[in-house]
Amino acid sequence: MMEPEIPFPVTCPHCGEESLAEFRVSVLADAMLGEPIRLYAKCHLVSWDASDVELENIRQHLEATQDLHAVACIANTPEGPTALSSTWAPTGLPTN
């Protein structure tokens, strides 16, 4: 079974065009726990490591689309959702 992918908006650093990127849930979980995530623009052949601002925007998008809890539940830590809630302090995410 393939791991689900979650779409979120990214903005090209060259032209400012916004497009949807899709990443596996586990990649997003690792990014929310501090691992680097490489973003890609569809309009130009360019990739870059997400900045802190971009990571916060991804977290806010996941929270708004109700996907943050799913990402937190599969986070590769013994603490699961608690690890993300203490790191990112999202509203509405259960901590137990």
C-alpha atoms as a PDB file:
ATOM      1  CA  MET A   1       0.000   0.000   0.000  1.00  0.00           C
ATOM      2  CA  MET A   2       1.359   3.404  -0.984  1.00  0.00           C
ATOM      3  CA  GLU A   3       1.758   6.035   1.678  1.00  0.00           C
ATOM      4  CA  PRO A   4      -0.675   8.948   1.233  1.00  0.00           C
ATOM      5  CA  GLU A   5       0.591  12.251  -0.086  1.00  0.00           C
ATOM      6  CA  ILE A   6      -0.634  15.623   1.115  1.00  0.00           C
ATOM      7  CA  PRO A   7      -0.675  18.650  -1.191  1.00  0.00           C
ATOM      8  CA  PHE A   8       0.311  22.112  -0.001  1.00  0.00           C
ATOM      9  CA  PRO A   9       1.164  25.387  -1.759  1.00  0.00           C
ATOM     10  CA  VAL A  10       4.745  26.424  -2.538  1.00  0.00           C
ATOM     11  CA  THR A  11       5.927  29.688  -4.069  1.00  0.00           C
ATOM     12  CA  CYS A  12       8.656  29.725  -6.709  1.00  0.00           C
ATOM     13  CA  PRO A  13      11.632  31.809  -5.524  1.00  0.00           C
ATOM     14  CA  HIS A  14      12.303  32.959  -9.103  1.00  0.00           C
ATOM     15  CA  CYS A  15       8.922  34.192 -10.328  1.00  0.00           C
ATOM     16  CA  GLY A  16       6.612  34.056  -7.305  1.00  0.00           C
ATOM     17  CA  GLU A  17       4.186  31.633  -8.970  1.00  0.00           C
ATOM     18  CA  GLU A  18       2.335  29.447  -6.489  1.00  0.00           C
ATOM     19  CA  SER A  19       1.742  25.773  -7.218  1.00  0.00           C
ATOM     20  CA  LEU A  20       0.832  22.660  -5.268  1.00  0.00           C
ATOM     21  CA  ALA A  21       3.555  20.320  -4.081  1.00  0.00           C
ATOM     22  CA  GLU A  22       2.772  16.845  -2.783  1.00  0.00           C
ATOM     23  CA  PHE A  23       4.819  15.023  -0.189  1.00  0.00           C
ATOM     24  CA  ARG A  24       4.405  11.706   1.611  1.00  0.00           C
ATOM     25  CA  VAL A  25       2.986  12.005   5.108  1.00  0.00           C
ATOM     26  CA  SER A  26       6.200  10.619   6.626  1.00  0.00           C
ATOM     27  CA  VAL A  27       8.312  13.291   4.882  1.00  0.00           C
ATOM     28  CA  LEU A  28       6.054  16.024   6.266  1.00  0.00           C
ATOM     29  CA  ALA A  29       6.156  14.460   9.732  1.00  0.00           C
ATOM     30  CA  ASP A  30       9.957  14.472   9.659  1.00  0.00           C
ATOM     31  CA  ALA A  31       9.938  18.121   8.500  1.00  0.00           C
ATOM     32  CA  MET A  32       7.633  19.109  11.350  1.00  0.00           C
ATOM     33  CA  LEU A  33      10.135  17.511  13.737  1.00  0.00           C
ATOM     34  CA  GLY A  34      13.053  19.508  12.341  1.00  0.00           C
ATOM     35  CA  GLU A  35      14.364  17.458   9.419  1.00  0.00           C
ATOM     36  CA  PRO A  36      15.057  19.499   6.266  1.00  0.00           C
ATOM     37  CA  ILE A  37      12.512  19.292   3.461  1.00  0.00           C
ATOM     38  CA  ARG A  38      13.414  20.063  -0.130  1.00  0.00           C
ATOM     39  CA  LEU A  39      10.805  22.090  -2.041  1.00  0.00           C
ATOM     40  CA  TYR A  40      10.430  22.156  -5.826  1.00  0.00           C
ATOM     41  CA  ALA A  41       8.902  24.688  -8.192  1.00  0.00           C
ATOM     42  CA  LYS A  42       6.876  23.452 -11.154  1.00  0.00           C
ATOM     43  CA  CYS A  43       7.493  26.560 -13.268  1.00  0.00           C
ATOM     44  CA  HIS A  44      11.316  26.505 -13.079  1.00  0.00           C
ATOM     45  CA  LEU A  45      13.910  23.781 -12.603  1.00  0.00           C
ATOM     46  CA  VAL A  46      14.731  24.875  -9.093  1.00  0.00           C
ATOM     47  CA  SER A  47      14.732  23.290  -5.654  1.00  0.00           C
ATOM     48  CA  TRP A  48      15.563  24.636  -2.216  1.00  0.00           C
ATOM     49  CA  ASP A  49      15.423  23.719   1.459  1.00  0.00           C
ATOM     50  CA  ALA A  50      12.301  25.089   3.115  1.00  0.00           C
ATOM     51  CA  SER A  51      12.952  28.100   5.307  1.00  0.00           C
ATOM     52  CA  ASP A  52      11.532  28.424   8.813  1.00  0.00           C
ATOM     53  CA  VAL A  53       8.802  30.675   7.381  1.00  0.00           C
ATOM     54  CA  GLU A  54       7.944  28.100   4.717  1.00  0.00           C
ATOM     55  CA  LEU A  55       7.849  25.327   7.325  1.00  0.00           C
ATOM     56  CA  GLU A  56       5.470  27.406   9.431  1.00  0.00           C
ATOM     57  CA  ASN A  57       3.297  28.012   6.346  1.00  0.00           C
ATOM     58  CA  ILE A  58       3.224  24.250   5.684  1.00  0.00           C
ATOM     59  CA  ARG A  59       2.262  23.593   9.309  1.00  0.00           C
ATOM     60  CA  GLN A  60      -0.513  26.195   9.121  1.00  0.00           C
ATOM     61  CA  HIS A  61      -1.789  24.676   5.867  1.00  0.00           C
ATOM     62  CA  LEU A  62      -1.780  21.187   7.392  1.00  0.00           C
ATOM     63  CA  GLU A  63      -3.640  22.504  10.429  1.00  0.00           C
ATOM     64  CA  ALA A  64      -6.215  24.332   8.296  1.00  0.00           C
ATOM     65  CA  THR A  65      -6.867  21.253   6.164  1.00  0.00           C
ATOM     66  CA  GLN A  66      -7.084  18.943   9.192  1.00  0.00           C
ATOM     67  CA  ASP A  67      -4.011  17.014   7.981  1.00  0.00           C
ATOM     68  CA  LEU A  68      -1.714  18.032  10.856  1.00  0.00           C
ATOM     69  CA  HIS A  69      -3.152  15.411  13.200  1.00  0.00           C
ATOM     70  CA  ALA A  70      -2.594  12.661  10.599  1.00  0.00           C
ATOM     71  CA  VAL A  71       1.015  13.801  10.136  1.00  0.00           C
ATOM     72  CA  ALA A  72       1.539  13.951  13.902  1.00  0.00           C
ATOM     73  CA  CYS A  73       0.122  10.462  14.419  1.00  0.00           C
ATOM     74  CA  ILE A  74       2.717   8.871  12.176  1.00  0.00           C
ATOM     75  CA  ALA A  75       5.626  11.055  13.307  1.00  0.00           C
ATOM     76  CA  ASN A  76       8.673   8.857  13.727  1.00  0.00           C
ATOM     77  CA  THR A  77       8.993   9.439  17.473  1.00  0.00           C
ATOM     78  CA  PRO A  78       7.825   7.546  20.538  1.00  0.00           C
ATOM     79  CA  GLU A  79       5.858  10.644  21.560  1.00  0.00           C
ATOM     80  CA  GLY A  80       3.817  10.813  18.315  1.00  0.00           C
ATOM     81  CA  PRO A  81       1.428  13.804  18.362  1.00  0.00           C
ATOM     82  CA  THR A  82       2.854  15.095  21.647  1.00  0.00           C
ATOM     83  CA  ALA A  83       6.229  15.707  20.004  1.00  0.00           C
ATOM     84  CA  LEU A  84       4.705  17.930  17.348  1.00  0.00           C
ATOM     85  CA  SER A  85       2.474  19.776  19.771  1.00  0.00           C
ATOM     86  CA  SER A  86       5.419  20.648  22.003  1.00  0.00           C
ATOM     87  CA  THR A  87       7.584  21.609  19.023  1.00  0.00           C
ATOM     88  CA  TRP A  88       5.027  23.534  16.987  1.00  0.00           C
ATOM     89  CA  ALA A  89       2.284  24.280  19.552  1.00  0.00           C
ATOM     90  CA  PRO A  90      -0.531  23.995  16.983  1.00  0.00           C
ATOM     91  CA  THR A  91      -4.015  24.834  18.156  1.00  0.00           C
ATOM     92  CA  GLY A  92      -6.528  22.040  18.256  1.00  0.00           C
ATOM     93  CA  LEU A  93      -3.979  19.200  18.225  1.00  0.00           C
ATOM     94  CA  PRO A  94      -4.550  16.720  21.044  1.00  0.00           C
ATOM     95  CA  THR A  95      -1.533  16.373  23.319  1.00  0.00           C
ATOM     96  CA  ASN A  96      -2.482  13.029  24.881  1.00  0.00           C
END
